Amino acid sequence: MLLIDTSYAHGSEAVTRPEASFSLSGSTPADWAAPVDYSHGAVWLRIQVSEKPTQAALRLQPCLEQDADHGGMRSCAPAQMLSDTGTYAWSAPLSQWSPTLSWPVRPARIIVILQDAYGVPVDPGGAVWVGNPYASLYYPMKMRFSAAVLSAAGTFPGWDALISAALRPPTGAGAAVPGARP
């Protein structure tokens, strides 16, 4: 199940922040434990960095966050190290995300946190991080962020297949046809 596939500029806003947050579609299942068991599956992640101001080493850490009605809890995967432009892809079983969440509750958001090489968020208004106060070592970065969750029994089909399948219109009884009028 594709959670997100978006291009954005991390740190291009007026107030640069170490976190970029994206709402997940309400069409993702409300329960990640049943009838399909995503809770024992894995999240596949891909970051395609097209522009980065320097080759300063950094970490990008993805997190899933539940909405406030369900405690607003956040669970994060191990971070991915990078220092240059290019494509970085990895998977993280939900059992490795910390802290463990109640996966029967659908996450509301997926977040990408930009950190220095030691795991400190690169926050110009906050803590001391490598390169402080020179945010220009890290920001802005242009990237495409993709994430998908697979069930415990699922096999990753590859990004091209997954994204093209997500772009196809739904079929079957009651499926809307793009551009059709009632």
Protein backbone atom coordinates (compact mmCIF):
# COMPACT_ATOMS: atom_id res chain seq x y z
CA MET A 1 0.00 0.00 0.00
CA LEU A 2 1.55 3.30 -1.13
CA LEU A 3 1.52 5.81 1.74
CA ILE A 4 3.13 8.76 -0.02
CA ASP A 5 4.98 9.78 -3.15
CA THR A 6 5.72 13.49 -3.17
CA SER A 7 8.37 15.96 -4.27
CA TYR A 8 9.21 18.85 -1.98
CA ALA A 9 11.94 21.25 -0.89
CA HIS A 10 13.00 20.55 2.70
CA GLY A 11 13.82 23.83 4.41
CA SER A 12 12.54 26.17 1.72
CA GLU A 13 9.86 27.77 3.89
CA ALA A 14 10.42 31.12 5.60
CA VAL A 15 11.10 29.43 8.94
CA THR A 16 13.35 26.43 8.31
CA ARG A 17 12.37 23.42 10.39
CA PRO A 18 14.00 20.01 10.73
CA GLU A 19 10.66 18.23 10.15
CA ALA A 20 8.54 17.92 7.05
CA SER A 21 5.08 16.48 7.77
CA PHE A 22 2.67 14.92 5.29
CA SER A 23 -0.90 13.79 5.95
CA LEU A 24 -1.72 10.25 4.93
CA SER A 25 -4.75 9.56 2.81
CA GLY A 26 -7.93 8.69 4.64
CA SER A 27 -8.18 5.77 2.22
CA THR A 28 -5.49 3.85 4.12
CA PRO A 29 -7.10 1.14 6.26
CA ALA A 30 -8.28 2.29 9.69
CA ASP A 31 -6.88 -0.89 11.25
CA TRP A 32 -3.33 -1.97 10.32
CA ALA A 33 -3.67 -5.28 12.18
CA ALA A 34 -6.79 -6.78 10.54
CA PRO A 35 -8.10 -7.96 8.19
CA VAL A 36 -4.71 -7.40 6.47
CA ASP A 37 -1.81 -7.56 8.92
CA TYR A 38 0.44 -4.58 8.14
CA SER A 39 1.47 -4.41 11.82
CA HIS A 40 3.98 -7.25 11.34
CA GLY A 41 5.05 -6.02 7.92
CA ALA A 42 7.62 -3.48 6.77
CA VAL A 43 7.70 0.07 5.48
CA TRP A 44 9.70 0.56 2.30
CA LEU A 45 11.21 4.02 1.96
CA ARG A 46 12.87 5.93 -0.87
CA ILE A 47 14.38 9.39 -0.88
CA GLN A 48 15.60 10.82 -4.17
CA VAL A 49 17.74 13.88 -3.41
CA SER A 50 18.01 16.08 -6.51
CA GLU A 51 19.59 19.16 -4.87
CA LYS A 52 21.63 19.51 -1.68
CA PRO A 53 23.72 22.61 -0.86
CA THR A 54 26.83 20.74 0.43
CA GLN A 55 28.12 17.24 1.04
CA ALA A 56 27.72 17.62 4.80
CA ALA A 57 26.72 14.23 6.20
CA LEU A 58 23.18 14.03 7.49
CA ARG A 59 20.49 11.59 8.51
CA LEU A 60 16.89 11.50 7.37
CA GLN A 61 14.58 9.78 9.80
CA PRO A 62 11.02 8.83 8.84
CA CYS A 63 8.33 8.66 11.52
CA LEU A 64 4.66 7.69 11.56
CA GLU A 65 2.37 9.70 13.84
CA GLN A 66 -1.14 8.98 15.02
CA ASP A 67 -3.66 11.79 15.28
CA ALA A 68 -4.35 13.59 18.56
CA ASP A 69 -7.57 11.60 19.09
CA HIS A 70 -5.37 8.51 19.44
CA GLY A 71 -2.72 10.08 21.66
CA GLY A 72 -0.62 11.75 18.95
CA MET A 73 2.03 9.08 19.43
CA ARG A 74 5.02 9.02 17.08
CA SER A 75 7.10 6.00 16.08
CA CYS A 76 10.32 6.38 14.09
CA ALA A 77 12.34 4.08 11.87
CA PRO A 78 16.13 3.92 11.95
CA ALA A 79 17.55 6.92 10.08
CA GLN A 80 19.16 6.79 6.64
CA MET A 81 22.61 8.38 6.28
CA LEU A 82 23.39 10.44 3.18
CA SER A 83 25.83 13.10 2.11
CA ASP A 84 25.18 13.71 -1.56
CA THR A 85 22.46 13.78 -4.17
CA GLY A 86 21.13 10.46 -5.41
CA THR A 87 18.58 7.80 -4.54
CA TYR A 88 18.50 6.16 -1.12
CA ALA A 89 16.15 3.23 -0.58
CA TRP A 90 15.69 0.93 2.41
CA SER A 91 13.06 -0.99 4.32
CA ALA A 92 12.29 -1.05 8.01
CA PRO A 93 10.08 -3.70 9.63
CA LEU A 94 7.50 -2.02 11.88
CA SER A 95 9.00 -4.09 14.71
CA GLN A 96 12.12 -1.88 14.42
CA TRP A 97 10.19 1.40 14.71
CA SER A 98 10.46 3.03 18.12
CA PRO A 99 8.53 3.38 20.29
CA THR A 100 6.09 0.65 19.32
CA LEU A 101 2.62 1.97 18.54
CA SER A 102 -0.77 0.34 18.59
CA TRP A 103 -0.85 -0.45 14.87
CA PRO A 104 -4.56 -1.23 14.83
CA VAL A 105 -4.85 2.58 14.77
CA ARG A 106 -4.10 4.15 11.36
CA PRO A 107 -1.25 6.69 11.37
CA ALA A 108 -2.41 10.18 10.38
CA ARG A 109 0.94 11.55 9.19
CA ILE A 110 4.35 10.55 7.96
CA ILE A 111 7.22 12.82 8.92
CA VAL A 112 10.79 13.21 7.69
CA ILE A 113 13.26 14.62 10.25
CA LEU A 114 16.55 16.13 9.04
CA GLN A 115 19.37 15.46 11.53
CA ASP A 116 23.12 16.01 11.60
CA ALA A 117 25.44 12.98 11.38
CA TYR A 118 25.01 12.41 15.14
CA GLY A 119 21.21 12.38 15.16
CA VAL A 120 20.59 15.94 16.41
CA PRO A 121 17.76 17.67 14.49
CA VAL A 122 19.09 20.53 12.34
CA ASP A 123 16.94 23.24 13.89
CA PRO A 124 18.22 26.82 13.48
CA GLY A 125 16.06 27.86 16.45
CA GLY A 126 17.00 24.99 18.72
CA ALA A 127 19.79 22.72 19.87
CA VAL A 128 23.45 22.78 18.93
CA TRP A 129 24.07 20.60 15.86
CA VAL A 130 27.03 20.06 13.57
CA GLY A 131 27.54 23.26 11.59
CA ASN A 132 25.40 25.42 13.90
CA PRO A 133 24.52 28.23 13.05
CA TYR A 134 25.10 27.54 9.33
CA ALA A 135 21.80 26.03 8.22
CA SER A 136 22.97 26.62 4.64
CA LEU A 137 25.06 23.43 5.01
CA TYR A 138 21.78 21.48 4.93
CA TYR A 139 18.99 23.70 3.59
CA PRO A 140 17.26 23.82 1.22
CA MET A 141 17.24 20.30 -0.19
CA LYS A 142 15.00 19.20 -3.04
CA MET A 143 13.81 15.65 -2.84
CA ARG A 144 11.15 13.14 -3.68
CA PHE A 145 9.93 11.07 -0.74
CA SER A 146 8.11 7.77 -1.22
CA ALA A 147 6.89 5.31 1.41
CA ALA A 148 4.85 2.13 1.21
CA VAL A 149 3.78 -0.40 3.81
CA LEU A 150 3.61 -4.10 3.03
CA SER A 151 1.76 -6.74 4.99
CA ALA A 152 3.64 -9.46 6.83
CA ALA A 153 3.03 -11.77 3.88
CA GLY A 154 3.68 -9.12 1.23
CA THR A 155 6.47 -8.99 -1.34
CA PHE A 156 7.81 -5.63 -2.48
CA PRO A 157 6.98 -5.24 -6.21
CA GLY A 158 9.46 -2.40 -6.84
CA TRP A 159 8.84 1.35 -6.87
CA ASP A 160 7.86 1.63 -10.54
CA ALA A 161 5.19 -1.05 -10.23
CA LEU A 162 3.90 0.29 -6.91
CA ILE A 163 3.59 3.91 -8.04
CA SER A 164 2.07 3.09 -11.44
CA ALA A 165 -0.50 0.82 -9.73
CA ALA A 166 -1.41 3.65 -7.33
CA LEU A 167 -2.00 5.99 -10.29
CA ARG A 168 -4.47 3.65 -12.01
CA PRO A 169 -8.13 4.47 -11.40
CA PRO A 170 -10.09 2.00 -9.26
CA THR A 171 -12.11 -0.64 -11.10
CA GLY A 172 -15.19 -2.61 -10.24
CA ALA A 173 -18.70 -1.79 -9.15
CA GLY A 174 -19.10 1.83 -8.12
CA ALA A 175 -15.65 2.90 -9.36
CA ALA A 176 -15.54 6.46 -10.58
CA VAL A 177 -14.24 7.09 -14.08
CA PRO A 178 -12.10 10.26 -14.24
CA GLY A 179 -13.82 12.94 -16.32
CA ALA A 180 -17.16 11.09 -16.44
CA ARG A 181 -20.32 13.02 -15.67
CA PRO A 182 -23.23 11.57 -13.71
